[in-house]
C-alpha atoms as a PDB file:
ATOM      1  CA  MET A   1       0.000   0.000   0.000  1.00  0.00           C
ATOM      2  CA  LYS A   2       2.890   2.361   0.830  1.00  0.00           C
ATOM      3  CA  ALA A   3       4.408   1.757  -2.614  1.00  0.00           C
ATOM      4  CA  LEU A   4       1.086   2.634  -4.256  1.00  0.00           C
ATOM      5  CA  LYS A   5       0.885   5.909  -2.301  1.00  0.00           C
ATOM      6  CA  THR A   6       4.481   6.736  -3.308  1.00  0.00           C
ATOM      7  CA  ILE A   7       3.724   6.110  -6.984  1.00  0.00           C
ATOM      8  CA  PHE A   8       0.551   8.187  -6.772  1.00  0.00           C
ATOM      9  CA  LEU A   9       2.426  11.066  -5.087  1.00  0.00           C
ATOM     10  CA  PHE A  10       5.193  10.856  -7.686  1.00  0.00           C
ATOM     11  CA  ALA A  11       2.624  11.026 -10.511  1.00  0.00           C
ATOM     12  CA  ILE A  12       0.983  14.119  -9.022  1.00  0.00           C
ATOM     13  CA  LEU A  13       4.317  15.892  -8.480  1.00  0.00           C
ATOM     14  CA  SER A  14       5.458  15.051 -12.020  1.00  0.00           C
ATOM     15  CA  SER A  15       2.224  16.435 -13.446  1.00  0.00           C
ATOM     16  CA  LEU A  16       2.607  19.654 -11.447  1.00  0.00           C
ATOM     17  CA  MET A  17       6.226  20.071 -12.572  1.00  0.00           C
ATOM     18  CA  VAL A  18       5.273  19.708 -16.237  1.00  0.00           C
ATOM     19  CA  SER A  19       2.442  22.198 -15.813  1.00  0.00           C
ATOM     20  CA  CYS A  20       4.686  24.749 -14.067  1.00  0.00           C
ATOM     21  CA  THR A  21       7.457  24.305 -16.647  1.00  0.00           C
ATOM     22  CA  GLN A  22       5.022  24.946 -19.493  1.00  0.00           C
ATOM     23  CA  LYS A  23       3.853  28.173 -17.842  1.00  0.00           C
ATOM     24  CA  MET A  24       7.358  29.419 -17.073  1.00  0.00           C
ATOM     25  CA  HIS A  25       8.981  28.720 -20.419  1.00  0.00           C
ATOM     26  CA  PRO A  26       7.938  30.033 -23.809  1.00  0.00           C
ATOM     27  CA  THR A  27       6.355  27.765 -26.359  1.00  0.00           C
ATOM     28  CA  SER A  28       7.552  27.637 -29.945  1.00  0.00           C
ATOM     29  CA  SER A  29       5.489  27.531 -33.077  1.00  0.00           C
ATOM     30  CA  LYS A  30       6.125  26.179 -36.547  1.00  0.00           C
ATOM     31  CA  ALA A  31       7.016  29.618 -37.854  1.00  0.00           C
ATOM     32  CA  GLY A  32       9.975  29.878 -35.496  1.00  0.00           C
ATOM     33  CA  THR A  33       8.383  32.347 -33.162  1.00  0.00           C
ATOM     34  CA  VAL A  34       8.043  32.276 -29.424  1.00  0.00           C
ATOM     35  CA  THR A  35       5.133  33.477 -27.386  1.00  0.00           C
ATOM     36  CA  ASP A  36       5.436  33.915 -23.655  1.00  0.00           C
ATOM     37  CA  GLN A  37       2.239  32.782 -21.979  1.00  0.00           C
ATOM     38  CA  ASN A  38       2.542  35.605 -19.437  1.00  0.00           C
ATOM     39  CA  VAL A  39       2.908  38.349 -22.058  1.00  0.00           C
ATOM     40  CA  GLN A  40       0.543  38.959 -24.939  1.00  0.00           C
ATOM     41  CA  SER A  41       3.011  38.702 -27.850  1.00  0.00           C
ATOM     42  CA  ASP A  42       0.972  40.218 -30.639  1.00  0.00           C
ATOM     43  CA  GLY A  43       3.705  42.278 -32.303  1.00  0.00           C
ATOM     44  CA  SER A  44       2.073  45.606 -31.440  1.00  0.00           C
ATOM     45  CA  SER A  45       5.104  47.087 -29.637  1.00  0.00           C
ATOM     46  CA  TYR A  46       8.683  46.387 -28.608  1.00  0.00           C
ATOM     47  CA  GLU A  47       7.430  44.901 -25.357  1.00  0.00           C
ATOM     48  CA  LYS A  48       4.985  42.647 -27.217  1.00  0.00           C
ATOM     49  CA  ALA A  49       7.286  41.843 -30.139  1.00  0.00           C
ATOM     50  CA  ILE A  50       7.135  38.487 -31.867  1.00  0.00           C
ATOM     51  CA  ILE A  51      10.366  36.696 -30.973  1.00  0.00           C
ATOM     52  CA  ILE A  52      11.868  34.881 -33.923  1.00  0.00           C
ATOM     53  CA  THR A  53      13.848  31.823 -32.800  1.00  0.00           C
ATOM     54  CA  LYS A  54      15.428  30.884 -36.120  1.00  0.00           C
ATOM     55  CA  LYS A  55      19.226  31.036 -36.162  1.00  0.00           C
ATOM     56  CA  SER A  56      19.966  32.289 -39.689  1.00  0.00           C
ATOM     57  CA  GLU A  57      18.838  35.411 -41.513  1.00  0.00           C
ATOM     58  CA  THR A  58      17.277  33.441 -44.349  1.00  0.00           C
ATOM     59  CA  GLU A  59      15.141  31.342 -42.006  1.00  0.00           C
ATOM     60  CA  GLY A  60      14.441  34.288 -39.685  1.00  0.00           C
ATOM     61  CA  VAL A  61      13.099  36.570 -42.393  1.00  0.00           C
ATOM     62  CA  ALA A  62      10.999  33.698 -43.770  1.00  0.00           C
ATOM     63  CA  ALA A  63       9.580  33.153 -40.249  1.00  0.00           C
ATOM     64  CA  GLU A  64       8.549  36.818 -40.050  1.00  0.00           C
ATOM     65  CA  TYR A  65       6.572  36.571 -43.275  1.00  0.00           C
ATOM     66  CA  GLU A  66       5.107  33.205 -42.269  1.00  0.00           C
ATOM     67  CA  TRP A  67       3.867  34.768 -39.012  1.00  0.00           C
ATOM     68  CA  LEU A  68       2.294  37.678 -40.915  1.00  0.00           C
ATOM     69  CA  LYS A  69       0.664  35.309 -43.378  1.00  0.00           C
ATOM     70  CA  SER A  70      -0.832  33.186 -40.594  1.00  0.00           C
ATOM     71  CA  HIS A  71      -2.091  36.170 -38.555  1.00  0.00           C
ATOM     72  CA  TYR A  72      -3.033  38.641 -41.326  1.00  0.00           C
ATOM     73  CA  THR A  73      -4.019  36.530 -44.318  1.00  0.00           C
ATOM     74  CA  GLY A  74      -4.123  38.648 -47.455  1.00  0.00           C
ATOM     75  CA  TYR A  75      -2.163  41.566 -45.943  1.00  0.00           C
ATOM     76  CA  LYS A  76      -0.332  44.040 -48.164  1.00  0.00           C
ATOM     77  CA  MET A  77       3.274  44.781 -47.310  1.00  0.00           C
ATOM     78  CA  GLY A  78       4.341  48.363 -46.757  1.00  0.00           C
ATOM     79  CA  ASP A  79       7.772  49.507 -45.719  1.00  0.00           C
ATOM     80  CA  GLN A  80      10.103  47.877 -43.233  1.00  0.00           C
ATOM     81  CA  SER A  81      12.628  49.281 -40.802  1.00  0.00           C
ATOM     82  CA  LEU A  82      15.441  47.901 -38.698  1.00  0.00           C
ATOM     83  CA  THR A  83      15.662  49.444 -35.227  1.00  0.00           C
ATOM     84  CA  ASN A  84      17.477  48.897 -31.963  1.00  0.00           C
ATOM     85  CA  TYR A  85      15.664  48.919 -28.632  1.00  0.00           C
ATOM     86  CA  LYS A  86      17.275  48.180 -25.273  1.00  0.00           C
ATOM     87  CA  GLY A  87      20.285  46.653 -27.003  1.00  0.00           C
ATOM     88  CA  LYS A  88      18.332  44.300 -29.274  1.00  0.00           C
ATOM     89  CA  PRO A  89      17.640  44.499 -33.010  1.00  0.00           C
ATOM     90  CA  TYR A  90      14.026  44.636 -34.167  1.00  0.00           C
ATOM     91  CA  ASP A  91      12.316  44.579 -37.524  1.00  0.00           C
ATOM     92  CA  ILE A  92       9.196  46.715 -37.777  1.00  0.00           C
ATOM     93  CA  LEU A  93       7.023  45.747 -40.719  1.00  0.00           C
ATOM     94  CA  ASN A  94       4.242  48.071 -41.806  1.00  0.00           C
ATOM     95  CA  ILE A  95       1.304  46.245 -43.319  1.00  0.00           C
ATOM     96  CA  THR A  96      -2.228  46.960 -44.431  1.00  0.00           C
ATOM     97  CA  THR A  97      -4.788  44.347 -43.429  1.00  0.00           C
ATOM     98  CA  THR A  98      -7.505  43.125 -45.784  1.00  0.00           C
ATOM     99  CA  ASN A  99      -9.968  45.522 -44.119  1.00  0.00           C
ATOM    100  CA  GLY A 100      -7.658  48.474 -44.849  1.00  0.00           C
ATOM    101  CA  LYS A 101      -6.234  48.905 -41.345  1.00  0.00           C
ATOM    102  CA  LYS A 102      -2.581  49.954 -41.209  1.00  0.00           C
ATOM    103  CA  LYS A 103      -0.454  48.160 -38.608  1.00  0.00           C
ATOM    104  CA  GLU A 104       3.125  48.139 -37.410  1.00  0.00           C
ATOM    105  CA  VAL A 105       4.282  44.644 -36.458  1.00  0.00           C
ATOM    106  CA  TYR A 106       7.387  44.327 -34.266  1.00  0.00           C
ATOM    107  CA  PHE A 107       9.734  41.339 -34.481  1.00  0.00           C
ATOM    108  CA  ASP A 108      12.620  40.637 -32.097  1.00  0.00           C
ATOM    109  CA  ILE A 109      15.299  39.396 -34.490  1.00  0.00           C
ATOM    110  CA  SER A 110      18.177  39.066 -32.018  1.00  0.00           C
ATOM    111  CA  ASN A 111      18.394  35.286 -32.493  1.00  0.00           C
ATOM    112  CA  PHE A 112      19.269  35.543 -36.182  1.00  0.00           C
ATOM    113  CA  PHE A 113      20.270  39.123 -37.052  1.00  0.00           C
ATOM    114  CA  GLY A 114      23.746  39.158 -38.618  1.00  0.00           C
ATOM    115  CA  LYS A 115      23.931  35.345 -38.821  1.00  0.00           C
ATOM    116  CA  PHE A 116      24.011  33.785 -42.247  1.00  0.00           C
END
Protein backbone atom coordinates (compact mmCIF):
# COMPACT_ATOMS: atom_id res chain seq x y z
CA MET A 1 0.00 0.00 0.00
CA LYS A 2 2.89 2.36 0.83
CA ALA A 3 4.41 1.76 -2.61
CA LEU A 4 1.09 2.63 -4.26
CA LYS A 5 0.89 5.91 -2.30
CA THR A 6 4.48 6.74 -3.31
CA ILE A 7 3.72 6.11 -6.98
CA PHE A 8 0.55 8.19 -6.77
CA LEU A 9 2.43 11.07 -5.09
CA PHE A 10 5.19 10.86 -7.69
CA ALA A 11 2.62 11.03 -10.51
CA ILE A 12 0.98 14.12 -9.02
CA LEU A 13 4.32 15.89 -8.48
CA SER A 14 5.46 15.05 -12.02
CA SER A 15 2.22 16.43 -13.45
CA LEU A 16 2.61 19.65 -11.45
CA MET A 17 6.23 20.07 -12.57
CA VAL A 18 5.27 19.71 -16.24
CA SER A 19 2.44 22.20 -15.81
CA CYS A 20 4.69 24.75 -14.07
CA THR A 21 7.46 24.30 -16.65
CA GLN A 22 5.02 24.95 -19.49
CA LYS A 23 3.85 28.17 -17.84
CA MET A 24 7.36 29.42 -17.07
CA HIS A 25 8.98 28.72 -20.42
CA PRO A 26 7.94 30.03 -23.81
CA THR A 27 6.35 27.77 -26.36
CA SER A 28 7.55 27.64 -29.95
CA SER A 29 5.49 27.53 -33.08
CA LYS A 30 6.13 26.18 -36.55
CA ALA A 31 7.02 29.62 -37.85
CA GLY A 32 9.98 29.88 -35.50
CA THR A 33 8.38 32.35 -33.16
CA VAL A 34 8.04 32.28 -29.42
CA THR A 35 5.13 33.48 -27.39
CA ASP A 36 5.44 33.92 -23.66
CA GLN A 37 2.24 32.78 -21.98
CA ASN A 38 2.54 35.61 -19.44
CA VAL A 39 2.91 38.35 -22.06
CA GLN A 40 0.54 38.96 -24.94
CA SER A 41 3.01 38.70 -27.85
CA ASP A 42 0.97 40.22 -30.64
CA GLY A 43 3.71 42.28 -32.30
CA SER A 44 2.07 45.61 -31.44
CA SER A 45 5.10 47.09 -29.64
CA TYR A 46 8.68 46.39 -28.61
CA GLU A 47 7.43 44.90 -25.36
CA LYS A 48 4.99 42.65 -27.22
CA ALA A 49 7.29 41.84 -30.14
CA ILE A 50 7.13 38.49 -31.87
CA ILE A 51 10.37 36.70 -30.97
CA ILE A 52 11.87 34.88 -33.92
CA THR A 53 13.85 31.82 -32.80
CA LYS A 54 15.43 30.88 -36.12
CA LYS A 55 19.23 31.04 -36.16
CA SER A 56 19.97 32.29 -39.69
CA GLU A 57 18.84 35.41 -41.51
CA THR A 58 17.28 33.44 -44.35
CA GLU A 59 15.14 31.34 -42.01
CA GLY A 60 14.44 34.29 -39.69
CA VAL A 61 13.10 36.57 -42.39
CA ALA A 62 11.00 33.70 -43.77
CA ALA A 63 9.58 33.15 -40.25
CA GLU A 64 8.55 36.82 -40.05
CA TYR A 65 6.57 36.57 -43.28
CA GLU A 66 5.11 33.21 -42.27
CA TRP A 67 3.87 34.77 -39.01
CA LEU A 68 2.29 37.68 -40.92
CA LYS A 69 0.66 35.31 -43.38
CA SER A 70 -0.83 33.19 -40.59
CA HIS A 71 -2.09 36.17 -38.56
CA TYR A 72 -3.03 38.64 -41.33
CA THR A 73 -4.02 36.53 -44.32
CA GLY A 74 -4.12 38.65 -47.46
CA TYR A 75 -2.16 41.57 -45.94
CA LYS A 76 -0.33 44.04 -48.16
CA MET A 77 3.27 44.78 -47.31
CA GLY A 78 4.34 48.36 -46.76
CA ASP A 79 7.77 49.51 -45.72
CA GLN A 80 10.10 47.88 -43.23
CA SER A 81 12.63 49.28 -40.80
CA LEU A 82 15.44 47.90 -38.70
CA THR A 83 15.66 49.44 -35.23
CA ASN A 84 17.48 48.90 -31.96
CA TYR A 85 15.66 48.92 -28.63
CA LYS A 86 17.27 48.18 -25.27
CA GLY A 87 20.28 46.65 -27.00
CA LYS A 88 18.33 44.30 -29.27
CA PRO A 89 17.64 44.50 -33.01
CA TYR A 90 14.03 44.64 -34.17
CA ASP A 91 12.32 44.58 -37.52
CA ILE A 92 9.20 46.71 -37.78
CA LEU A 93 7.02 45.75 -40.72
CA ASN A 94 4.24 48.07 -41.81
CA ILE A 95 1.30 46.24 -43.32
CA THR A 96 -2.23 46.96 -44.43
CA THR A 97 -4.79 44.35 -43.43
CA THR A 98 -7.50 43.12 -45.78
CA ASN A 99 -9.97 45.52 -44.12
CA GLY A 100 -7.66 48.47 -44.85
CA LYS A 101 -6.23 48.91 -41.34
CA LYS A 102 -2.58 49.95 -41.21
CA LYS A 103 -0.45 48.16 -38.61
CA GLU A 104 3.13 48.14 -37.41
CA VAL A 105 4.28 44.64 -36.46
CA TYR A 106 7.39 44.33 -34.27
CA PHE A 107 9.73 41.34 -34.48
CA ASP A 108 12.62 40.64 -32.10
CA ILE A 109 15.30 39.40 -34.49
CA SER A 110 18.18 39.07 -32.02
CA ASN A 111 18.39 35.29 -32.49
CA PHE A 112 19.27 35.54 -36.18
CA PHE A 113 20.27 39.12 -37.05
CA GLY A 114 23.75 39.16 -38.62
CA LYS A 115 23.93 35.34 -38.82
CA PHE A 116 24.01 33.79 -42.25
